[in-house]
Protein backbone atom coordinates (compact mmCIF):
# COMPACT_ATOMS: atom_id res chain seq x y z
CA MET A 1 116.53 123.09 83.94
CA SER A 2 113.75 120.88 83.32
CA TRP A 3 112.38 118.36 85.76
CA ILE A 4 112.96 114.60 85.24
CA ASN A 5 110.05 112.66 86.40
CA THR A 6 110.87 109.33 87.97
CA PRO A 7 107.50 107.25 88.19
CA GLU A 8 109.60 104.01 88.60
CA SER A 9 111.19 105.29 91.95
CA SER A 10 109.61 104.54 95.06
CA ASN A 11 111.33 107.36 96.99
CA ILE A 12 111.97 110.10 94.45
CA ALA A 13 109.32 111.79 92.51
CA ARG A 14 111.40 114.07 90.24
CA PHE A 15 114.73 115.99 90.20
CA LYS A 16 116.48 118.51 88.17
CA TYR A 17 120.03 120.10 87.87
CA ASP A 18 121.10 123.80 87.50
CA ASN A 19 124.41 123.48 85.69
CA GLU A 20 125.24 127.20 86.13
CA ASN A 21 124.98 126.96 90.07
CA MET A 22 125.69 123.24 90.27
CA VAL A 23 122.51 122.60 92.40
CA LEU A 24 120.71 119.35 92.22
CA THR A 25 117.05 119.65 93.22
CA VAL A 26 115.22 116.55 94.35
CA GLU A 27 111.62 116.29 95.12
CA PHE A 28 110.56 113.08 97.10
CA ASN A 29 107.36 111.11 96.94
CA LYS A 30 106.47 111.98 100.50
CA GLY A 31 106.53 115.79 99.68
CA GLY A 32 109.96 117.24 100.70
CA GLN A 33 112.10 119.03 98.26
CA TYR A 34 115.77 119.47 98.76
CA ASN A 35 118.76 121.35 97.10
CA TYR A 36 122.07 119.66 97.05
CA PHE A 37 124.90 122.15 96.43
CA ASP A 38 128.37 122.07 94.35
CA VAL A 39 127.17 118.80 92.71
CA PRO A 40 129.32 118.13 89.60
CA GLU A 41 127.48 117.82 86.42
CA SER A 42 129.09 114.26 85.99
CA THR A 43 127.38 113.20 89.18
CA PHE A 44 123.99 114.36 87.93
CA ALA A 45 124.58 112.50 84.66
CA SER A 46 125.29 109.33 86.60
CA MET A 47 122.03 109.71 88.47
CA ARG A 48 120.10 110.16 85.25
CA ILE A 49 121.18 106.84 84.11
CA ALA A 50 121.28 105.04 87.36
CA SER A 51 118.75 102.07 87.51
CA SER A 52 117.70 103.19 91.11
CA LYS A 53 117.75 106.89 91.59
CA GLY A 54 117.05 106.66 95.28
CA GLN A 55 120.00 104.16 95.87
CA TYR A 56 122.27 106.56 93.73
CA LEU A 57 121.22 109.44 95.89
CA ALA A 58 121.81 107.68 99.13
CA ARG A 59 125.12 106.21 98.08
CA ASN A 60 126.71 109.20 96.05
CA ILE A 61 125.02 112.39 97.20
CA LYS A 62 123.53 112.39 100.65
CA GLY A 63 126.31 112.91 103.27
CA ARG A 64 128.74 114.37 100.47
CA TYR A 65 127.14 117.57 99.49
CA ARG A 66 125.72 120.42 101.46
CA TYR A 67 121.91 120.46 101.23
CA ALA A 68 118.96 122.55 102.41
CA ARG A 69 115.27 121.88 102.36
CA VAL A 70 113.32 124.13 99.88
């Protein structure tokens, strides 16, 4: 479970995925870090190749999966 840095993103600093527990962890440029639970690996894979990680997160993850601030 390695971090994927996103220097091109104005919103997301980096993110990683724990496929055993299906947890997506996102660290934002403004300092917050959140875990999103029960995220399918296919959703993570789509986020990895999305041209805008922030837009993908907003459209496909926020509001669909449980989350908690780390």
